[in-house]
Amino acid sequence: MNKALFQMTPFPSFNHRQDNDVVLSSRIRLARNLKAYPFPHQMDRESALQVWKKVSDICKDSGFDFYHLNGFSTLEKNILVERHLISKDLLMMPYPALALNQDESCSVMINEEDHLRIQGFASALALEDLWQKINTIDDTFGENLEYAYHDTLGYLTACPSNLGTGLRASVMLHLPLHDMTGESKELSKLYQYGVAIRGAYGEGSKAIGHIYQISNQKTLGKSESELIQTVEEVAKKLIQRERDLRKTLVDKHHLAVMDKVYRAYGVLSQTRLLSEEEAIEKISLLRLGHSMGVFQALDYEILDRAMLMVKNAYVHYHGAHEENKEKFRADIIRELLKD
């Protein structure tokens, strides 16, 4: 088993770092199915093993490592979920597998809702770059596998909402001032532009630490480039609005905002017990502080890595037990701030 899977490898930036005050990451995901096999929810063991074999053979020649997830512990699988390399839904399936490229910027979930979920990540607003990369990987798989495709409906998927291109473009955004000013209540109106907004782990998840994920709602009736352009345009508007709100609030209520930031630092640097949610909320405020010119030694990469380090599966994997995980988490963060 590759132990590097459970370290905190950051996503590549594609040299676009100018948006990192608001943007945590971007993702492009494609849903694909093999023509000759039932969808994963209807697959028997023999069909699943055949899909495994076909995909693993392609991986050998395309720079991907192939993993049978049934051989991983529950804890190891949960770490992969926390890092967004796999979904919780994949863990509910009987024959899950994962393919990863060497720098872990691309993952392929095998036998989730669809036979293939091809994903690419970047720690910046880089949807077009990601699309070019993922499109090339999709071509590699498509040359060796016969995809389920309909001339009118496009790529056939288990869920009708993914028909057509099968593409989801998403951006993870840090929007603390939207929350502080109450403007986050207006974010639900983004559906008018064909964009959905959710918490960091997608549908049904909360926006802990002021972190929101936006993505296209539909995949049918528009090209991949049009869908990406829609999400990118909305992301840019939210980025600019968040910056405007930060400037306005800081100008009018500088001491109040700074008090929140420094109180967060005080808690993280002194506390002996820390829950996952409180840790993320406080790190989120340090991230805001960094964008306002304080705590400059704590750059965005360090703070975003810290948000992963405080997650439950990570602290368990690195030595904590259920009864001492809050102490373990607090120790990690105090050590990080001390350095």
Protein backbone atom coordinates (compact mmCIF):
# COMPACT_ATOMS: atom_id res chain seq x y z
CA MET A 1 0.00 0.00 0.00
CA ASN A 2 1.30 3.47 -0.89
CA LYS A 3 1.64 5.31 2.43
CA ALA A 4 2.09 8.60 0.55
CA LEU A 5 -1.65 8.47 -0.11
CA PHE A 6 -2.24 9.48 3.48
CA GLN A 7 0.09 12.48 3.57
CA MET A 8 -0.98 16.05 2.87
CA THR A 9 0.15 16.46 -0.74
CA PRO A 10 -1.15 19.84 -2.00
CA PHE A 11 -2.88 20.06 -5.35
CA PRO A 12 -0.84 21.65 -8.18
CA SER A 13 -1.51 25.36 -8.70
CA PHE A 14 -0.92 25.64 -12.48
CA ASN A 15 0.87 28.88 -11.50
CA HIS A 16 -2.43 30.68 -10.91
CA ARG A 17 -2.07 31.81 -7.30
CA GLN A 18 -3.65 35.26 -7.54
CA ASP A 19 -7.09 34.06 -6.41
CA ASN A 20 -6.00 32.07 -3.36
CA ASP A 21 -7.33 34.65 -0.92
CA VAL A 22 -10.79 33.30 -1.82
CA VAL A 23 -10.24 30.13 -3.88
CA LEU A 24 -9.19 26.91 -2.17
CA SER A 25 -9.39 24.57 -5.14
CA SER A 26 -10.95 23.75 -8.50
CA ARG A 27 -12.15 20.41 -9.83
CA ILE A 28 -13.30 18.98 -13.14
CA ARG A 29 -15.12 15.62 -12.98
CA LEU A 30 -16.36 13.45 -15.85
CA ALA A 31 -18.88 10.61 -15.51
CA ARG A 32 -18.39 7.72 -17.93
CA ASN A 33 -19.84 4.22 -18.29
CA LEU A 34 -18.84 1.18 -20.29
CA LYS A 35 -21.30 0.16 -22.97
CA ALA A 36 -21.25 -3.60 -22.36
CA TYR A 37 -21.91 -3.54 -18.60
CA PRO A 38 -24.80 -2.68 -16.27
CA PHE A 39 -24.48 0.47 -14.16
CA PRO A 40 -22.62 -0.20 -10.87
CA HIS A 41 -25.80 -0.41 -8.77
CA GLN A 42 -26.89 -3.37 -10.93
CA MET A 43 -23.52 -5.06 -11.40
CA ASP A 44 -22.68 -8.56 -10.25
CA ARG A 45 -19.22 -9.51 -9.03
CA GLU A 46 -18.08 -10.88 -12.39
CA SER A 47 -18.96 -7.67 -14.25
CA ALA A 48 -17.24 -5.55 -11.58
CA LEU A 49 -14.05 -7.61 -11.82
CA GLN A 50 -14.05 -7.23 -15.60
CA VAL A 51 -14.32 -3.44 -15.27
CA TRP A 52 -11.47 -3.51 -12.72
CA LYS A 53 -9.32 -5.52 -15.14
CA LYS A 54 -9.98 -3.26 -18.12
CA VAL A 55 -9.23 -0.08 -16.17
CA SER A 56 -6.16 -1.46 -14.37
CA ASP A 57 -4.67 -2.57 -17.70
CA ILE A 58 -4.99 1.00 -19.03
CA CYS A 59 -3.48 2.40 -15.82
CA LYS A 60 -0.26 0.42 -16.34
CA ASP A 61 0.51 2.37 -19.51
CA SER A 62 -0.86 5.78 -18.55
CA GLY A 63 0.93 6.75 -15.33
CA PHE A 64 -1.82 5.75 -12.87
CA ASP A 65 -1.60 3.46 -9.85
CA PHE A 66 -4.60 1.19 -9.31
CA TYR A 67 -5.99 0.35 -5.84
CA HIS A 68 -8.72 -2.08 -4.77
CA LEU A 69 -10.35 -0.14 -1.96
CA ASN A 70 -11.78 -3.21 -0.27
CA GLY A 71 -8.22 -3.84 0.87
CA PHE A 72 -8.06 -0.49 2.68
CA SER A 73 -9.15 0.04 6.28
CA THR A 74 -12.18 2.20 7.03
CA LEU A 75 -9.82 4.83 8.45
CA GLU A 76 -7.68 4.91 5.31
CA LYS A 77 -10.75 5.22 3.10
CA ASN A 78 -12.07 8.09 5.23
CA ILE A 79 -8.79 9.97 4.77
CA LEU A 80 -9.21 9.68 1.00
CA VAL A 81 -12.71 11.14 1.40
CA GLU A 82 -11.37 14.03 3.50
CA ARG A 83 -8.87 14.76 0.75
CA HIS A 84 -11.65 14.65 -1.89
CA LEU A 85 -9.82 11.90 -3.81
CA ILE A 86 -12.88 9.68 -3.43
CA SER A 87 -16.51 10.24 -2.42
CA LYS A 88 -18.49 8.82 0.46
CA ASP A 89 -20.77 7.26 -2.14
CA LEU A 90 -17.90 5.16 -3.49
CA LEU A 91 -17.48 3.57 -0.05
CA MET A 92 -21.11 2.44 -0.12
CA MET A 93 -20.56 0.40 -3.29
CA PRO A 94 -19.62 -3.32 -3.18
CA TYR A 95 -16.74 -3.20 -5.70
CA PRO A 96 -14.94 0.14 -5.28
CA ALA A 97 -11.54 0.92 -6.77
CA LEU A 98 -9.35 3.97 -7.29
CA ALA A 99 -6.76 5.02 -9.84
CA LEU A 100 -4.35 7.87 -9.05
CA ASN A 101 -1.68 9.60 -11.08
CA GLN A 102 1.76 10.20 -9.57
CA ASP A 103 1.24 13.71 -8.18
CA GLU A 104 -2.34 12.88 -7.11
CA SER A 105 -3.76 15.76 -9.12
CA CYS A 106 -6.05 13.31 -10.95
CA SER A 107 -8.08 10.43 -9.56
CA VAL A 108 -10.47 7.97 -11.17
CA MET A 109 -13.18 6.46 -8.99
CA ILE A 110 -14.18 3.06 -10.35
CA ASN A 111 -17.64 1.53 -9.79
CA GLU A 112 -19.14 4.44 -7.88
CA GLU A 113 -22.49 5.66 -9.26
CA ASP A 114 -20.91 5.32 -12.71
CA HIS A 115 -18.17 2.97 -13.87
CA LEU A 116 -15.69 5.84 -14.08
CA ARG A 117 -15.57 9.20 -12.33
CA ILE A 118 -12.49 10.95 -13.74
CA GLN A 119 -11.42 13.93 -11.62
CA GLY A 120 -8.72 16.59 -11.78
CA PHE A 121 -7.79 19.09 -9.05
CA ALA A 122 -5.88 22.35 -8.70
CA SER A 123 -5.39 24.74 -5.78
CA ALA A 124 -6.46 27.76 -7.81
CA LEU A 125 -9.15 28.95 -10.21
CA ALA A 126 -7.93 26.84 -13.12
CA LEU A 127 -10.96 25.17 -14.69
CA GLU A 128 -9.88 25.56 -18.30
CA ASP A 129 -6.41 24.13 -17.58
CA LEU A 130 -8.00 21.24 -15.72
CA TRP A 131 -10.40 20.57 -18.56
CA GLN A 132 -7.53 20.25 -21.04
CA LYS A 133 -5.78 17.80 -18.72
CA ILE A 134 -8.85 15.71 -17.92
CA ASN A 135 -9.98 15.69 -21.54
CA THR A 136 -6.65 14.12 -22.50
CA ILE A 137 -7.03 11.45 -19.81
CA ASP A 138 -10.62 10.83 -20.92
CA ASP A 139 -9.37 10.31 -24.48
CA THR A 140 -6.81 7.77 -23.24
CA PHE A 141 -9.49 5.74 -21.47
CA GLY A 142 -11.98 6.22 -24.30
CA GLU A 143 -9.54 4.87 -26.88
CA ASN A 144 -9.35 1.60 -24.95
CA LEU A 145 -12.92 1.33 -23.61
CA GLU A 146 -16.23 1.56 -25.44
CA TYR A 147 -18.23 4.22 -23.61
CA ALA A 148 -22.02 4.14 -23.36
CA TYR A 149 -23.05 6.99 -25.69
CA HIS A 150 -26.25 8.12 -27.39
CA ASP A 151 -26.28 10.42 -30.43
CA THR A 152 -28.95 12.66 -28.89
CA LEU A 153 -28.42 12.28 -25.14
CA GLY A 154 -24.62 12.16 -25.14
CA TYR A 155 -22.80 10.11 -22.50
CA LEU A 156 -25.20 7.81 -20.67
CA THR A 157 -25.05 7.93 -16.87
CA ALA A 158 -26.76 6.27 -13.92
CA CYS A 159 -28.33 9.57 -12.83
CA PRO A 160 -30.20 11.58 -15.52
CA SER A 161 -28.74 14.83 -14.13
CA ASN A 162 -25.32 13.77 -15.47
CA LEU A 163 -26.47 12.95 -19.02
CA GLY A 164 -24.84 14.76 -21.91
CA THR A 165 -21.30 15.86 -21.27
CA GLY A 166 -21.14 14.09 -17.91
CA LEU A 167 -19.09 17.07 -16.73
CA ARG A 168 -19.12 18.78 -13.33
CA ALA A 169 -16.95 21.84 -12.91
CA SER A 170 -16.63 23.01 -9.32
CA VAL A 171 -14.76 25.62 -7.33
CA MET A 172 -14.22 25.64 -3.56
CA LEU A 173 -14.52 29.18 -2.17
CA HIS A 174 -13.73 30.76 1.20
CA LEU A 175 -16.51 33.31 1.81
CA PRO A 176 -16.32 34.47 5.46
CA LEU A 177 -17.62 37.99 4.76
CA HIS A 178 -20.62 36.62 2.91
CA ASP A 179 -21.48 34.82 6.15
CA MET A 180 -20.61 37.69 8.50
CA THR A 181 -22.77 40.17 6.58
CA GLY A 182 -25.65 37.75 5.98
CA GLU A 183 -25.14 37.91 2.23
CA SER A 184 -24.65 34.14 2.08
CA LYS A 185 -28.46 33.85 2.28
CA GLU A 186 -28.55 35.18 -1.27
CA LEU A 187 -26.25 32.46 -2.62
CA SER A 188 -29.15 30.06 -3.18
CA LYS A 189 -30.24 32.33 -6.03
CA LEU A 190 -27.27 31.17 -8.08
CA TYR A 191 -29.49 28.42 -9.49
CA GLN A 192 -30.81 31.11 -11.86
CA TYR A 193 -27.44 30.98 -13.58
CA GLY A 194 -27.34 27.19 -13.71
CA VAL A 195 -25.02 26.93 -10.70
CA ALA A 196 -25.57 25.02 -7.45
CA ILE A 197 -23.93 25.96 -4.14
CA ARG A 198 -23.22 23.46 -1.37
CA GLY A 199 -20.85 22.75 1.48
CA ALA A 200 -17.31 21.48 0.98
CA TYR A 201 -18.39 17.83 0.55
CA GLY A 202 -21.16 18.48 -1.93
CA GLU A 203 -24.86 17.75 -1.66
CA GLY A 204 -26.17 17.70 1.90
CA SER A 205 -22.97 19.00 3.53
CA LYS A 206 -22.64 22.16 5.64
CA ALA A 207 -20.46 25.16 4.82
CA ILE A 208 -18.14 24.70 7.82
CA GLY A 209 -15.43 27.34 8.07
CA HIS A 210 -17.26 29.57 5.54
CA ILE A 211 -16.25 27.16 2.76
CA TYR A 212 -18.67 26.74 -0.14
CA GLN A 213 -18.55 24.66 -3.31
CA ILE A 214 -20.16 25.92 -6.51
CA SER A 215 -20.75 23.72 -9.55
CA ASN A 216 -22.85 23.53 -12.72
CA GLN A 217 -26.34 22.07 -12.22
CA LYS A 218 -26.88 20.65 -15.71
CA THR A 219 -24.65 18.65 -18.00
CA LEU A 220 -27.01 18.31 -20.99
CA GLY A 221 -27.65 20.88 -23.74
CA LYS A 222 -24.36 22.79 -23.47
CA SER A 223 -20.79 22.03 -24.43
CA GLU A 224 -18.07 21.38 -21.89
CA SER A 225 -16.53 24.79 -22.58
CA GLU A 226 -19.87 26.54 -22.05
CA LEU A 227 -20.45 24.78 -18.72
CA ILE A 228 -16.94 25.63 -17.53
CA GLN A 229 -17.35 29.24 -18.62
CA THR A 230 -20.60 29.55 -16.63
CA VAL A 231 -19.02 28.25 -13.41
CA GLU A 232 -15.89 30.35 -13.89
CA GLU A 233 -17.89 33.54 -14.47
CA VAL A 234 -19.96 32.97 -11.33
CA ALA A 235 -16.82 32.14 -9.33
CA LYS A 236 -15.14 35.37 -10.45
CA LYS A 237 -18.19 37.41 -9.41
CA LEU A 238 -18.23 35.76 -5.98
CA ILE A 239 -14.48 36.31 -5.59
CA GLN A 240 -14.84 40.00 -6.39
CA ARG A 241 -17.87 40.38 -4.13
CA GLU A 242 -16.07 38.71 -1.23
CA ARG A 243 -13.11 41.04 -1.72
CA ASP A 244 -15.38 44.08 -1.83
CA LEU A 245 -17.12 42.96 1.35
CA ARG A 246 -13.78 42.41 3.08
CA LYS A 247 -12.59 45.88 2.14
CA THR A 248 -15.86 47.56 3.17
CA LEU A 249 -16.15 45.75 6.50
CA VAL A 250 -12.50 46.21 7.37
CA ASP A 251 -12.67 49.92 6.58
CA LYS A 252 -15.78 50.39 8.74
CA HIS A 253 -15.20 47.82 11.47
CA HIS A 254 -11.47 47.17 11.45
CA LEU A 255 -11.14 46.52 15.19
CA ALA A 256 -14.13 44.18 15.32
CA VAL A 257 -12.81 42.07 12.45
CA MET A 258 -9.28 42.03 13.85
CA ASP A 259 -10.67 41.00 17.22
CA LYS A 260 -12.31 37.93 15.64
CA VAL A 261 -9.07 37.02 13.89
CA TYR A 262 -6.86 37.45 16.96
CA ARG A 263 -9.32 35.62 19.19
CA ALA A 264 -9.14 32.71 16.76
CA TYR A 265 -5.35 32.78 16.98
CA GLY A 266 -5.54 32.95 20.77
CA VAL A 267 -7.77 29.88 20.95
CA LEU A 268 -5.67 27.84 18.51
CA SER A 269 -2.35 28.79 20.11
CA GLN A 270 -3.46 28.10 23.70
CA THR A 271 -6.30 25.58 23.75
CA ARG A 272 -5.72 21.99 24.96
CA LEU A 273 -8.92 20.47 23.52
CA LEU A 274 -10.24 21.20 20.05
CA SER A 275 -13.14 19.75 18.07
CA GLU A 276 -12.90 19.32 14.30
CA GLU A 277 -15.56 21.92 13.55
CA GLU A 278 -14.13 24.53 15.93
CA ALA A 279 -10.64 24.00 14.52
CA ILE A 280 -11.83 24.56 10.95
CA GLU A 281 -13.83 27.64 11.93
CA LYS A 282 -10.80 29.18 13.69
CA ILE A 283 -8.35 28.31 10.89
CA SER A 284 -10.85 29.92 8.51
CA LEU A 285 -10.52 33.16 10.48
CA LEU A 286 -6.70 32.97 10.32
CA ARG A 287 -7.08 32.60 6.56
CA LEU A 288 -9.14 35.79 6.55
CA GLY A 289 -6.49 37.47 8.69
CA HIS A 290 -3.76 36.48 6.27
CA SER A 291 -5.69 38.08 3.40
CA MET A 292 -5.87 41.27 5.50
CA GLY A 293 -2.12 41.42 6.06
CA VAL A 294 -1.66 39.72 9.44
CA PHE A 295 -0.06 36.33 10.21
CA GLN A 296 1.94 36.54 6.99
CA ALA A 297 4.13 33.58 7.98
CA LEU A 298 1.00 31.41 7.79
CA ASP A 299 0.51 31.36 4.03
CA TYR A 300 -2.54 29.88 2.30
CA GLU A 301 -0.85 26.54 1.61
CA ILE A 302 -0.03 26.07 5.30
CA LEU A 303 -3.54 27.07 6.41
CA ASP A 304 -5.27 24.89 3.81
CA ARG A 305 -3.07 21.98 4.83
CA ALA A 306 -3.98 22.66 8.48
CA MET A 307 -7.67 22.30 7.60
CA LEU A 308 -6.93 18.77 6.44
CA MET A 309 -4.71 17.96 9.41
CA VAL A 310 -7.53 18.61 11.90
CA LYS A 311 -10.02 16.27 10.21
CA ASN A 312 -11.09 13.26 12.25
CA ALA A 313 -9.68 10.53 10.02
CA TYR A 314 -6.32 12.28 9.72
CA VAL A 315 -5.81 12.66 13.48
CA HIS A 316 -6.85 9.03 14.05
CA TYR A 317 -4.47 7.78 11.37
CA HIS A 318 -1.57 9.70 12.86
CA GLY A 319 -1.92 8.34 16.35
CA ALA A 320 -4.99 9.69 18.12
CA HIS A 321 -7.57 7.46 19.76
CA GLU A 322 -11.25 8.37 20.08
CA GLU A 323 -10.81 9.42 23.70
CA ASN A 324 -7.87 11.78 23.05
CA LYS A 325 -8.50 13.07 19.52
CA GLU A 326 -9.41 16.61 20.70
CA LYS A 327 -6.14 16.86 22.65
CA PHE A 328 -4.18 15.43 19.72
CA ARG A 329 -5.78 17.94 17.35
CA ALA A 330 -5.03 20.88 19.65
CA ASP A 331 -1.40 19.73 19.99
CA ILE A 332 -0.99 19.58 16.19
CA ILE A 333 -2.25 23.14 15.71
CA ARG A 334 -0.26 24.61 18.61
CA GLU A 335 2.90 23.06 17.16
CA LEU A 336 2.09 24.43 13.72
CA LEU A 337 1.56 27.95 15.05
CA LYS A 338 4.69 27.78 17.18
CA ASP A 339 6.81 26.91 14.14
